[in-house]
Amino acid sequence: QVQLVESGGGLVQTGGSLRLTCEVSGTVDTIPIMNWARQTPGKQRESVATITSGESINYADFVKGRFTISRDDAKKTVSLEMRSLKPEDTGVYYCKVVVGGRLHWGQGTQVTVSS
């Protein structure tokens, strides 16, 4: 069983920063793919950033230059450093990992950016 727990969400003003962290626990050996996704009001869930075990990284266009994804395989964590936050970044942020060919999602953490 694989569990994911996100932390670090909260309320921040426009232009502010937050750091999200997702801790993976359970029967986990290697984690080929780690991803952050979000669901903003009125929209479907969308990918924000992905990092592979080979440190290949992809960002959605709307966060390029503002967000940074990183992973710590020893701690089995993936983090998302978010800077220059905008009100449109408000939403629930989810951690997702691929383990053993299966997708696993966290419960999400709320990020609210006030104008």
PDB file of N, CA and C in Angstrom:
ATOM      1  N   GLN A   1       0.848  -1.195   0.000  1.00  0.00           N
ATOM      2  CA  GLN A   1       0.000   0.000   0.000  1.00  0.00           C
ATOM      3  C   GLN A   1       0.883   1.244   0.000  1.00  0.00           C
ATOM      4  N   VAL A   2       0.497   2.198  -0.812  1.00  0.00           N
ATOM      5  CA  VAL A   2       1.247   3.448  -0.940  1.00  0.00           C
ATOM      6  C   VAL A   2       0.391   4.592  -0.432  1.00  0.00           C
ATOM      7  N   GLN A   3       0.963   5.404   0.429  1.00  0.00           N
ATOM      8  CA  GLN A   3       0.253   6.580   0.935  1.00  0.00           C
ATOM      9  C   GLN A   3       1.042   7.842   0.582  1.00  0.00           C
ATOM     10  N   LEU A   4       0.295   8.888   0.265  1.00  0.00           N
ATOM     11  CA  LEU A   4       0.888  10.185  -0.041  1.00  0.00           C
ATOM     12  C   LEU A   4       0.259  11.233   0.863  1.00  0.00           C
ATOM     13  N   VAL A   5       1.085  12.045   1.470  1.00  0.00           N
ATOM     14  CA  VAL A   5       0.586  13.104   2.332  1.00  0.00           C
ATOM     15  C   VAL A   5       1.228  14.419   1.917  1.00  0.00           C
ATOM     16  N   GLU A   6       0.376  15.367   1.496  1.00  0.00           N
ATOM     17  CA  GLU A   6       0.867  16.692   1.106  1.00  0.00           C
ATOM     18  C   GLU A   6       0.824  17.642   2.292  1.00  0.00           C
ATOM     19  N   SER A   7       1.695  18.603   2.279  1.00  0.00           N
ATOM     20  CA  SER A   7       1.691  19.647   3.302  1.00  0.00           C
ATOM     21  C   SER A   7       2.248  20.930   2.692  1.00  0.00           C
ATOM     22  N   GLY A   8       2.008  22.035   3.386  1.00  0.00           N
ATOM     23  CA  GLY A   8       2.588  23.306   2.961  1.00  0.00           C
ATOM     24  C   GLY A   8       1.639  24.279   2.310  1.00  0.00           C
ATOM     25  N   GLY A   9       0.410  23.869   2.098  1.00  0.00           N
ATOM     26  CA  GLY A   9      -0.563  24.794   1.523  1.00  0.00           C
ATOM     27  C   GLY A   9      -0.938  25.884   2.517  1.00  0.00           C
ATOM     28  N   GLY A  10      -1.688  26.865   2.046  1.00  0.00           N
ATOM     29  CA  GLY A  10      -2.127  27.932   2.924  1.00  0.00           C
ATOM     30  C   GLY A  10      -2.568  29.152   2.156  1.00  0.00           C
ATOM     31  N   LEU A  11      -2.662  30.256   2.877  1.00  0.00           N
ATOM     32  CA  LEU A  11      -3.103  31.533   2.312  1.00  0.00           C
ATOM     33  C   LEU A  11      -1.900  32.451   2.158  1.00  0.00           C
ATOM     34  N   VAL A  12      -1.778  33.039   0.980  1.00  0.00           N
ATOM     35  CA  VAL A  12      -0.661  33.932   0.712  1.00  0.00           C
ATOM     36  C   VAL A  12      -1.144  35.074  -0.177  1.00  0.00           C
ATOM     37  N   GLN A  13      -0.489  36.210  -0.089  1.00  0.00           N
ATOM     38  CA  GLN A  13      -0.857  37.350  -0.933  1.00  0.00           C
ATOM     39  C   GLN A  13      -0.241  37.207  -2.323  1.00  0.00           C
ATOM     40  N   THR A  14      -0.817  37.906  -3.260  1.00  0.00           N
ATOM     41  CA  THR A  14      -0.267  37.936  -4.622  1.00  0.00           C
ATOM     42  C   THR A  14       1.207  38.319  -4.579  1.00  0.00           C
ATOM     43  N   GLY A  15       2.003  37.554  -5.314  1.00  0.00           N
ATOM     44  CA  GLY A  15       3.436  37.791  -5.329  1.00  0.00           C
ATOM     45  C   GLY A  15       4.202  37.006  -4.287  1.00  0.00           C
ATOM     46  N   GLY A  16       3.478  36.356  -3.399  1.00  0.00           N
ATOM     47  CA  GLY A  16       4.111  35.599  -2.334  1.00  0.00           C
ATOM     48  C   GLY A  16       4.583  34.227  -2.775  1.00  0.00           C
ATOM     49  N   SER A  17       5.098  33.481  -1.807  1.00  0.00           N
ATOM     50  CA  SER A  17       5.670  32.160  -2.087  1.00  0.00           C
ATOM     51  C   SER A  17       5.137  31.118  -1.105  1.00  0.00           C
ATOM     52  N   LEU A  18       5.096  29.892  -1.578  1.00  0.00           N
ATOM     53  CA  LEU A  18       4.767  28.745  -0.744  1.00  0.00           C
ATOM     54  C   LEU A  18       5.598  27.559  -1.208  1.00  0.00           C
ATOM     55  N   ARG A  19       5.839  26.645  -0.281  1.00  0.00           N
ATOM     56  CA  ARG A  19       6.537  25.407  -0.631  1.00  0.00           C
ATOM     57  C   ARG A  19       5.664  24.231  -0.217  1.00  0.00           C
ATOM     58  N   LEU A  20       5.300  23.420  -1.191  1.00  0.00           N
ATOM     59  CA  LEU A  20       4.521  22.222  -0.933  1.00  0.00           C
ATOM     60  C   LEU A  20       5.453  21.012  -0.877  1.00  0.00           C
ATOM     61  N   THR A  21       5.139  20.092   0.015  1.00  0.00           N
ATOM     62  CA  THR A  21       5.913  18.859   0.114  1.00  0.00           C
ATOM     63  C   THR A  21       4.965  17.675   0.168  1.00  0.00           C
ATOM     64  N   CYS A  22       5.344  16.624  -0.514  1.00  0.00           N
ATOM     65  CA  CYS A  22       4.577  15.389  -0.515  1.00  0.00           C
ATOM     66  C   CYS A  22       5.488  14.260  -0.046  1.00  0.00           C
ATOM     67  N   GLU A  23       5.043  13.570   0.980  1.00  0.00           N
ATOM     68  CA  GLU A  23       5.814  12.451   1.516  1.00  0.00           C
ATOM     69  C   GLU A  23       5.140  11.144   1.121  1.00  0.00           C
ATOM     70  N   VAL A  24       5.918  10.252   0.547  1.00  0.00           N
ATOM     71  CA  VAL A  24       5.414   8.958   0.091  1.00  0.00           C
ATOM     72  C   VAL A  24       5.832   7.890   1.087  1.00  0.00           C
ATOM     73  N   SER A  25       4.886   7.066   1.509  1.00  0.00           N
ATOM     74  CA  SER A  25       5.203   5.998   2.441  1.00  0.00           C
ATOM     75  C   SER A  25       4.532   4.711   1.982  1.00  0.00           C
ATOM     76  N   GLY A  26       4.907   3.628   2.634  1.00  0.00           N
ATOM     77  CA  GLY A  26       4.340   2.345   2.273  1.00  0.00           C
ATOM     78  C   GLY A  26       5.357   1.479   1.557  1.00  0.00           C
ATOM     79  N   THR A  27       4.830   0.507   0.844  1.00  0.00           N
ATOM     80  CA  THR A  27       5.704  -0.434   0.136  1.00  0.00           C
ATOM     81  C   THR A  27       6.185   0.220  -1.153  1.00  0.00           C
ATOM     82  N   VAL A  28       7.277   0.932  -1.024  1.00  0.00           N
ATOM     83  CA  VAL A  28       7.797   1.706  -2.145  1.00  0.00           C
ATOM     84  C   VAL A  28       9.287   1.452  -2.286  1.00  0.00           C
ATOM     85  N   ASP A  29       9.698   1.073  -3.490  1.00  0.00           N
ATOM     86  CA  ASP A  29      11.117   0.887  -3.746  1.00  0.00           C
ATOM     87  C   ASP A  29      11.631   2.073  -4.553  1.00  0.00           C
ATOM     88  N   THR A  30      11.255   2.106  -5.790  1.00  0.00           N
ATOM     89  CA  THR A  30      11.618   3.252  -6.624  1.00  0.00           C
ATOM     90  C   THR A  30      10.340   3.949  -7.082  1.00  0.00           C
ATOM     91  N   ILE A  31      10.464   5.220  -7.327  1.00  0.00           N
ATOM     92  CA  ILE A  31       9.331   6.033  -7.776  1.00  0.00           C
ATOM     93  C   ILE A  31       9.717   6.664  -9.105  1.00  0.00           C
ATOM     94  N   PRO A  32       9.351   6.032 -10.213  1.00  0.00           N
ATOM     95  CA  PRO A  32       9.790   6.531 -11.515  1.00  0.00           C
ATOM     96  C   PRO A  32       9.302   7.938 -11.834  1.00  0.00           C
ATOM     97  N   ILE A  33       8.059   8.229 -11.459  1.00  0.00           N
ATOM     98  CA  ILE A  33       7.472   9.515 -11.819  1.00  0.00           C
ATOM     99  C   ILE A  33       6.794  10.137 -10.604  1.00  0.00           C
ATOM    100  N   MET A  34       7.093  11.416 -10.369  1.00  0.00           N
ATOM    101  CA  MET A  34       6.438  12.173  -9.310  1.00  0.00           C
ATOM    102  C   MET A  34       5.882  13.442  -9.953  1.00  0.00           C
ATOM    103  N   ASN A  35       4.688  13.788  -9.556  1.00  0.00           N
ATOM    104  CA  ASN A  35       3.986  14.876 -10.241  1.00  0.00           C
ATOM    105  C   ASN A  35       3.180  15.707  -9.259  1.00  0.00           C
ATOM    106  N   TRP A  36       3.077  16.985  -9.548  1.00  0.00           N
ATOM    107  CA  TRP A  36       2.130  17.864  -8.868  1.00  0.00           C
ATOM    108  C   TRP A  36       1.069  18.279  -9.880  1.00  0.00           C
ATOM    109  N   ALA A  37      -0.171  18.197  -9.448  1.00  0.00           N
ATOM    110  CA  ALA A  37      -1.293  18.625 -10.269  1.00  0.00           C
ATOM    111  C   ALA A  37      -2.145  19.557  -9.424  1.00  0.00           C
ATOM    112  N   ARG A  38      -3.058  20.247 -10.075  1.00  0.00           N
ATOM    113  CA  ARG A  38      -3.929  21.135  -9.313  1.00  0.00           C
ATOM    114  C   ARG A  38      -5.305  21.181  -9.939  1.00  0.00           C
ATOM    115  N   GLN A  39      -6.252  21.537  -9.112  1.00  0.00           N
ATOM    116  CA  GLN A  39      -7.610  21.784  -9.596  1.00  0.00           C
ATOM    117  C   GLN A  39      -8.013  23.151  -9.114  1.00  0.00           C
ATOM    118  N   THR A  40      -8.141  24.052 -10.052  1.00  0.00           N
ATOM    119  CA  THR A  40      -8.553  25.413  -9.736  1.00  0.00           C
ATOM    120  C   THR A  40     -10.056  25.538  -9.962  1.00  0.00           C
ATOM    121  N   PRO A  41     -10.698  26.523  -9.327  1.00  0.00           N
ATOM    122  CA  PRO A  41     -12.158  26.647  -9.406  1.00  0.00           C
ATOM    123  C   PRO A  41     -12.664  26.688 -10.840  1.00  0.00           C
ATOM    124  N   GLY A  42     -13.617  25.840 -11.129  1.00  0.00           N
ATOM    125  CA  GLY A  42     -14.239  25.831 -12.446  1.00  0.00           C
ATOM    126  C   GLY A  42     -13.458  25.102 -13.515  1.00  0.00           C
ATOM    127  N   LYS A  43     -12.341  24.520 -13.158  1.00  0.00           N
ATOM    128  CA  LYS A  43     -11.515  23.835 -14.150  1.00  0.00           C
ATOM    129  C   LYS A  43     -11.274  22.392 -13.755  1.00  0.00           C
ATOM    130  N   GLN A  44     -10.892  21.610 -14.748  1.00  0.00           N
ATOM    131  CA  GLN A  44     -10.523  20.230 -14.468  1.00  0.00           C
ATOM    132  C   GLN A  44      -9.115  20.176 -13.881  1.00  0.00           C
ATOM    133  N   ARG A  45      -8.824  19.047 -13.244  1.00  0.00           N
ATOM    134  CA  ARG A  45      -7.498  18.862 -12.688  1.00  0.00           C
ATOM    135  C   ARG A  45      -6.465  18.896 -13.814  1.00  0.00           C
ATOM    136  N   GLU A  46      -5.359  19.597 -13.565  1.00  0.00           N
ATOM    137  CA  GLU A  46      -4.332  19.735 -14.599  1.00  0.00           C
ATOM    138  C   GLU A  46      -2.951  19.529 -14.007  1.00  0.00           C
ATOM    139  N   SER A  47      -2.052  19.039 -14.825  1.00  0.00           N
ATOM    140  CA  SER A  47      -0.683  18.821 -14.379  1.00  0.00           C
ATOM    141  C   SER A  47       0.035  20.150 -14.232  1.00  0.00           C
ATOM    142  N   VAL A  48       0.840  20.251 -13.183  1.00  0.00           N
ATOM    143  CA  VAL A  48       1.621  21.457 -12.931  1.00  0.00           C
ATOM    144  C   VAL A  48       3.096  21.203 -13.241  1.00  0.00           C
ATOM    145  N   ALA A  49       3.636  20.118 -12.688  1.00  0.00           N
ATOM    146  CA  ALA A  49       5.057  19.821 -12.887  1.00  0.00           C
ATOM    147  C   ALA A  49       5.306  18.340 -12.649  1.00  0.00           C
ATOM    148  N   THR A  50       6.266  17.804 -13.389  1.00  0.00           N
ATOM    149  CA  THR A  50       6.609  16.391 -13.290  1.00  0.00           C
ATOM    150  C   THR A  50       8.110  16.246 -13.201  1.00  0.00           C
ATOM    151  N   ILE A  51       8.549  15.295 -12.365  1.00  0.00           N
ATOM    152  CA  ILE A  51       9.970  14.983 -12.282  1.00  0.00           C
ATOM    153  C   ILE A  51      10.130  13.470 -12.270  1.00  0.00           C
ATOM    154  N   THR A  52      11.044  12.967 -13.080  1.00  0.00           N
ATOM    155  CA  THR A  52      11.264  11.527 -13.146  1.00  0.00           C
ATOM    156  C   THR A  52      12.436  11.122 -12.257  1.00  0.00           C
ATOM    157  N   SER A  53      12.623   9.834 -12.127  1.00  0.00           N
ATOM    158  CA  SER A  53      13.741   9.332 -11.328  1.00  0.00           C
ATOM    159  C   SER A  53      15.079   9.711 -11.954  1.00  0.00           C
ATOM    160  N   GLY A  54      15.068  10.003 -13.242  1.00  0.00           N
ATOM    161  CA  GLY A  54      16.275  10.470 -13.915  1.00  0.00           C
ATOM    162  C   GLY A  54      16.431  11.977 -13.898  1.00  0.00           C
ATOM    163  N   GLU A  55      15.591  12.639 -13.095  1.00  0.00           N
ATOM    164  CA  GLU A  55      15.625  14.093 -12.916  1.00  0.00           C
ATOM    165  C   GLU A  55      15.187  14.850 -14.176  1.00  0.00           C
ATOM    166  N   SER A  56      14.481  14.183 -15.062  1.00  0.00           N
ATOM    167  CA  SER A  56      13.878  14.903 -16.179  1.00  0.00           C
ATOM    168  C   SER A  56      12.669  15.664 -15.660  1.00  0.00           C
ATOM    169  N   ILE A  57      12.553  16.930 -16.024  1.00  0.00           N
ATOM    170  CA  ILE A  57      11.515  17.798 -15.462  1.00  0.00           C
ATOM    171  C   ILE A  57      10.698  18.440 -16.576  1.00  0.00           C
ATOM    172  N   ASN A  58       9.400  18.516 -16.343  1.00  0.00           N
ATOM    173  CA  ASN A  58       8.507  19.236 -17.238  1.00  0.00           C
ATOM    174  C   ASN A  58       7.578  20.115 -16.424  1.00  0.00           C
ATOM    175  N   TYR A  59       7.327  21.306 -16.944  1.00  0.00           N
ATOM    176  CA  TYR A  59       6.414  22.249 -16.299  1.00  0.00           C
ATOM    177  C   TYR A  59       5.300  22.628 -17.251  1.00  0.00           C
ATOM    178  N   ALA A  60       4.136  22.886 -16.679  1.00  0.00           N
ATOM    179  CA  ALA A  60       3.067  23.480 -17.463  1.00  0.00           C
ATOM    180  C   ALA A  60       3.480  24.901 -17.817  1.00  0.00           C
ATOM    181  N   ASP A  61       3.040  25.365 -18.966  1.00  0.00           N
ATOM    182  CA  ASP A  61       3.445  26.701 -19.414  1.00  0.00           C
ATOM    183  C   ASP A  61       3.076  27.787 -18.403  1.00  0.00           C
ATOM    184  N   PHE A  62       1.960  27.603 -17.715  1.00  0.00           N
ATOM    185  CA  PHE A  62       1.479  28.665 -16.828  1.00  0.00           C
ATOM    186  C   PHE A  62       2.289  28.787 -15.532  1.00  0.00           C
ATOM    187  N   VAL A  63       3.243  27.887 -15.296  1.00  0.00           N
ATOM    188  CA  VAL A  63       4.072  28.007 -14.089  1.00  0.00           C
ATOM    189  C   VAL A  63       5.558  28.120 -14.403  1.00  0.00           C
ATOM    190  N   LYS A  64       5.923  28.038 -15.665  1.00  0.00           N
ATOM    191  CA  LYS A  64       7.332  28.122 -16.026  1.00  0.00           C
ATOM    192  C   LYS A  64       7.948  29.420 -15.537  1.00  0.00           C
ATOM    193  N   GLY A  65       9.096  29.273 -14.892  1.00  0.00           N
ATOM    194  CA  GLY A  65       9.793  30.447 -14.370  1.00  0.00           C
ATOM    195  C   GLY A  65       9.356  30.852 -12.983  1.00  0.00           C
ATOM    196  N   ARG A  66       8.256  30.266 -12.503  1.00  0.00           N
ATOM    197  CA  ARG A  66       7.751  30.630 -11.178  1.00  0.00           C
ATOM    198  C   ARG A  66       7.804  29.471 -10.184  1.00  0.00           C
ATOM    199  N   PHE A  67       7.581  28.253 -10.669  1.00  0.00           N
ATOM    200  CA  PHE A  67       7.545  27.078  -9.807  1.00  0.00           C
ATOM    201  C   PHE A  67       8.765  26.201 -10.076  1.00  0.00           C
ATOM    202  N   THR A  68       9.220  25.518  -9.024  1.00  0.00           N
ATOM    203  CA  THR A  68      10.341  24.588  -9.155  1.00  0.00           C
ATOM    204  C   THR A  68       9.999  23.282  -8.450  1.00  0.00           C
ATOM    205  N   ILE A  69      10.092  22.188  -9.176  1.00  0.00           N
ATOM    206  CA  ILE A  69       9.838  20.868  -8.596  1.00  0.00           C
ATOM    207  C   ILE A  69      11.180  20.210  -8.278  1.00  0.00           C
ATOM    208  N   SER A  70      11.204  19.482  -7.172  1.00  0.00           N
ATOM    209  CA  SER A  70      12.415  18.757  -6.797  1.00  0.00           C
ATOM    210  C   SER A  70      12.017  17.494  -6.046  1.00  0.00           C
ATOM    211  N   ARG A  71      12.937  16.565  -5.954  1.00  0.00           N
ATOM    212  CA  ARG A  71      12.655  15.325  -5.246  1.00  0.00           C
ATOM    213  C   ARG A  71      13.840  14.928  -4.389  1.00  0.00           C
ATOM    214  N   ASP A  72      13.539  14.210  -3.324  1.00  0.00           N
ATOM    215  CA  ASP A  72      14.555  13.653  -2.446  1.00  0.00           C
ATOM    216  C   ASP A  72      14.245  12.172  -2.316  1.00  0.00           C
ATOM    217  N   ASP A  73      14.979  11.353  -3.039  1.00  0.00           N
ATOM    218  CA  ASP A  73      14.662   9.928  -3.065  1.00  0.00           C
ATOM    219  C   ASP A  73      14.974   9.249  -1.729  1.00  0.00           C
ATOM    220  N   ALA A  74      15.919   9.751  -0.993  1.00  0.00           N
ATOM    221  CA  ALA A  74      16.229   9.168   0.314  1.00  0.00           C
ATOM    222  C   ALA A  74      15.053   9.353   1.279  1.00  0.00           C
ATOM    223  N   LYS A  75      14.411  10.504   1.191  1.00  0.00           N
ATOM    224  CA  LYS A  75      13.275  10.789   2.067  1.00  0.00           C
ATOM    225  C   LYS A  75      11.943  10.426   1.422  1.00  0.00           C
ATOM    226  N   LYS A  76      11.994  10.064   0.124  1.00  0.00           N
ATOM    227  CA  LYS A  76      10.769   9.754  -0.618  1.00  0.00           C
ATOM    228  C   LYS A  76       9.805  10.933  -0.583  1.00  0.00           C
ATOM    229  N   THR A  77      10.330  12.084  -0.919  1.00  0.00           N
ATOM    230  CA  THR A  77       9.500  13.281  -0.972  1.00  0.00           C
ATOM    231  C   THR A  77       9.658  13.980  -2.322  1.00  0.00           C
ATOM    232  N   VAL A  78       8.627  14.704  -2.676  1.00  0.00           N
ATOM    233  CA  VAL A  78       8.673  15.590  -3.833  1.00  0.00           C
ATOM    234  C   VAL A  78       8.143  16.937  -3.366  1.00  0.00           C
ATOM    235  N   SER A  79       8.814  17.995  -3.777  1.00  0.00           N
ATOM    236  CA  SER A  79       8.452  19.326  -3.333  1.00  0.00           C
ATOM    237  C   SER A  79       8.145  20.220  -4.521  1.00  0.00           C
ATOM    238  N   LEU A  80       7.364  21.249  -4.247  1.00  0.00           N
ATOM    239  CA  LEU A  80       7.037  22.237  -5.267  1.00  0.00           C
ATOM    240  C   LEU A  80       7.233  23.614  -4.641  1.00  0.00           C
ATOM    241  N   GLU A  81       8.252  24.306  -5.081  1.00  0.00           N
ATOM    242  CA  GLU A  81       8.510  25.665  -4.630  1.00  0.00           C
ATOM    243  C   GLU A  81       7.754  26.596  -5.558  1.00  0.00           C
ATOM    244  N   MET A  82       6.852  27.390  -4.997  1.00  0.00           N
ATOM    245  CA  MET A  82       6.002  28.260  -5.796  1.00  0.00           C
ATOM    246  C   MET A  82       6.313  29.711  -5.447  1.00  0.00           C
ATOM    247  N   ARG A  83       6.681  30.485  -6.452  1.00  0.00           N
ATOM    248  CA  ARG A  83       7.002  31.901  -6.257  1.00  0.00           C
ATOM    249  C   ARG A  83       6.116  32.742  -7.163  1.00  0.00           C
ATOM    250  N   SER A  84       6.093  34.041  -6.881  1.00  0.00           N
ATOM    251  CA  SER A  84       5.306  34.988  -7.686  1.00  0.00           C
ATOM    252  C   SER A  84       3.883  34.479  -7.889  1.00  0.00           C
ATOM    253  N   LEU A  85       3.281  34.052  -6.811  1.00  0.00           N
ATOM    254  CA  LEU A  85       1.947  33.464  -6.898  1.00  0.00           C
ATOM    255  C   LEU A  85       0.909  34.484  -7.327  1.00  0.00           C
ATOM    256  N   LYS A  86      -0.064  34.010  -8.082  1.00  0.00           N
ATOM    257  CA  LYS A  86      -1.135  34.842  -8.608  1.00  0.00           C
ATOM    258  C   LYS A  86      -2.469  34.316  -8.106  1.00  0.00           C
ATOM    259  N   PRO A  87      -3.500  35.152  -8.085  1.00  0.00           N
ATOM    260  CA  PRO A  87      -4.816  34.673  -7.652  1.00  0.00           C
ATOM    261  C   PRO A  87      -5.290  33.461  -8.463  1.00  0.00           C
ATOM    262  N   GLU A  88      -4.951  33.394  -9.727  1.00  0.00           N
ATOM    263  CA  GLU A  88      -5.370  32.266 -10.553  1.00  0.00           C
ATOM    264  C   GLU A  88      -4.643  30.973 -10.211  1.00  0.00           C
ATOM    265  N   ASP A  89      -3.652  31.023  -9.333  1.00  0.00           N
ATOM    266  CA  ASP A  89      -3.008  29.807  -8.843  1.00  0.00           C
ATOM    267  C   ASP A  89      -3.802  29.178  -7.700  1.00  0.00           C
ATOM    268  N   THR A  90      -4.829  29.855  -7.244  1.00  0.00           N
ATOM    269  CA  THR A  90      -5.661  29.329  -6.162  1.00  0.00           C
ATOM    270  C   THR A  90      -6.300  28.015  -6.562  1.00  0.00           C
ATOM    271  N   GLY A  91      -6.220  27.034  -5.668  1.00  0.00           N
ATOM    272  CA  GLY A  91      -6.829  25.745  -5.942  1.00  0.00           C
ATOM    273  C   GLY A  91      -6.306  24.687  -4.992  1.00  0.00           C
ATOM    274  N   VAL A  92      -6.699  23.460  -5.254  1.00  0.00           N
ATOM    275  CA  VAL A  92      -6.209  22.325  -4.482  1.00  0.00           C
ATOM    276  C   VAL A  92      -5.071  21.679  -5.269  1.00  0.00           C
ATOM    277  N   TYR A  93      -3.966  21.506  -4.602  1.00  0.00           N
ATOM    278  CA  TYR A  93      -2.770  20.932  -5.228  1.00  0.00           C
ATOM    279  C   TYR A  93      -2.602  19.493  -4.765  1.00  0.00           C
ATOM    280  N   TYR A  94      -2.410  18.620  -5.732  1.00  0.00           N
ATOM    281  CA  TYR A  94      -2.325  17.196  -5.462  1.00  0.00           C
ATOM    282  C   TYR A  94      -0.954  16.650  -5.868  1.00  0.00           C
ATOM    283  N   CYS A  95      -0.484  15.728  -5.077  1.00  0.00           N
ATOM    284  CA  CYS A  95       0.726  14.973  -5.402  1.00  0.00           C
ATOM    285  C   CYS A  95       0.296  13.666  -6.059  1.00  0.00           C
ATOM    286  N   LYS A  96       1.027  13.280  -7.068  1.00  0.00           N
ATOM    287  CA  LYS A  96       0.736  12.028  -7.754  1.00  0.00           C
ATOM    288  C   LYS A  96       2.050  11.322  -8.031  1.00  0.00           C
ATOM    289  N   VAL A  97       2.069  10.013  -7.807  1.00  0.00           N
ATOM    290  CA  VAL A  97       3.259   9.237  -8.128  1.00  0.00           C
ATOM    291  C   VAL A  97       2.873   7.982  -8.895  1.00  0.00           C
ATOM    292  N   VAL A  98       3.810   7.501  -9.671  1.00  0.00           N
ATOM    293  CA  VAL A  98       3.654   6.225 -10.357  1.00  0.00           C
ATOM    294  C   VAL A  98       4.588   5.235  -9.680  1.00  0.00           C
ATOM    295  N   VAL A  99       3.986   4.202  -9.109  1.00  0.00           N
ATOM    296  CA  VAL A  99       4.763   3.169  -8.418  1.00  0.00           C
ATOM    297  C   VAL A  99       4.252   1.818  -8.890  1.00  0.00           C
ATOM    298  N   GLY A 100       5.151   0.985  -9.347  1.00  0.00           N
ATOM    299  CA  GLY A 100       4.745  -0.332  -9.801  1.00  0.00           C
ATOM    300  C   GLY A 100       3.737  -0.274 -10.930  1.00  0.00           C
ATOM    301  N   GLY A 101       3.832   0.767 -11.751  1.00  0.00           N
ATOM    302  CA  GLY A 101       2.928   0.902 -12.875  1.00  0.00           C
ATOM    303  C   GLY A 101       1.544   1.414 -12.522  1.00  0.00           C
ATOM    304  N   ARG A 102       1.340   1.800 -11.285  1.00  0.00           N
ATOM    305  CA  ARG A 102       0.034   2.279 -10.836  1.00  0.00           C
ATOM    306  C   ARG A 102       0.146   3.729 -10.364  1.00  0.00           C
ATOM    307  N   LEU A 103      -0.969   4.457 -10.554  1.00  0.00           N
ATOM    308  CA  LEU A 103      -1.039   5.838 -10.105  1.00  0.00           C
ATOM    309  C   LEU A 103      -1.524   5.896  -8.657  1.00  0.00           C
ATOM    310  N   HIS A 104      -0.922   6.771  -7.900  1.00  0.00           N
ATOM    311  CA  HIS A 104      -1.354   6.998  -6.520  1.00  0.00           C
ATOM    312  C   HIS A 104      -1.455   8.502  -6.306  1.00  0.00           C
ATOM    313  N   TRP A 105      -2.562   8.929  -5.681  1.00  0.00           N
ATOM    314  CA  TRP A 105      -2.825  10.350  -5.450  1.00  0.00           C
ATOM    315  C   TRP A 105      -2.835  10.658  -3.959  1.00  0.00           C
ATOM    316  N   GLY A 106      -2.395  11.867  -3.632  1.00  0.00           N
ATOM    317  CA  GLY A 106      -2.567  12.362  -2.285  1.00  0.00           C
ATOM    318  C   GLY A 106      -3.954  12.966  -2.126  1.00  0.00           C
ATOM    319  N   GLN A 107      -4.239  13.437  -0.920  1.00  0.00           N
ATOM    320  CA  GLN A 107      -5.569  13.968  -0.629  1.00  0.00           C
ATOM    321  C   GLN A 107      -5.706  15.431  -1.039  1.00  0.00           C
ATOM    322  N   GLY A 108      -4.586  16.076  -1.331  1.00  0.00           N
ATOM    323  CA  GLY A 108      -4.609  17.462  -1.774  1.00  0.00           C
ATOM    324  C   GLY A 108      -4.377  18.439  -0.642  1.00  0.00           C
ATOM    325  N   THR A 109      -3.846  19.592  -1.006  1.00  0.00           N
ATOM    326  CA  THR A 109      -3.647  20.673  -0.048  1.00  0.00           C
ATOM    327  C   THR A 109      -4.094  21.976  -0.699  1.00  0.00           C
ATOM    328  N   GLN A 110      -4.815  22.784   0.064  1.00  0.00           N
ATOM    329  CA  GLN A 110      -5.398  24.012  -0.477  1.00  0.00           C
ATOM    330  C   GLN A 110      -4.369  25.127  -0.525  1.00  0.00           C
ATOM    331  N   VAL A 111      -4.305  25.782  -1.666  1.00  0.00           N
ATOM    332  CA  VAL A 111      -3.495  26.984  -1.841  1.00  0.00           C
ATOM    333  C   VAL A 111      -4.429  28.117  -2.220  1.00  0.00           C
ATOM    334  N   THR A 112      -4.393  29.189  -1.463  1.00  0.00           N
ATOM    335  CA  THR A 112      -5.235  30.341  -1.740  1.00  0.00           C
ATOM    336  C   THR A 112      -4.363  31.577  -1.856  1.00  0.00           C
ATOM    337  N   VAL A 113      -4.481  32.261  -2.988  1.00  0.00           N
ATOM    338  CA  VAL A 113      -3.702  33.468  -3.239  1.00  0.00           C
ATOM    339  C   VAL A 113      -4.661  34.647  -3.275  1.00  0.00           C
ATOM    340  N   SER A 114      -4.496  35.556  -2.329  1.00  0.00           N
ATOM    341  CA  SER A 114      -5.392  36.700  -2.253  1.00  0.00           C
ATOM    342  C   SER A 114      -4.868  37.846  -3.106  1.00  0.00           C
ATOM    343  N   SER A 115      -5.806  38.612  -3.639  1.00  0.00           N
ATOM    344  CA  SER A 115      -5.420  39.732  -4.509  1.00  0.00           C
ATOM    345  C   SER A 115      -5.269  41.014  -3.714  1.00  0.00           C
TER     346      SER A 115
END
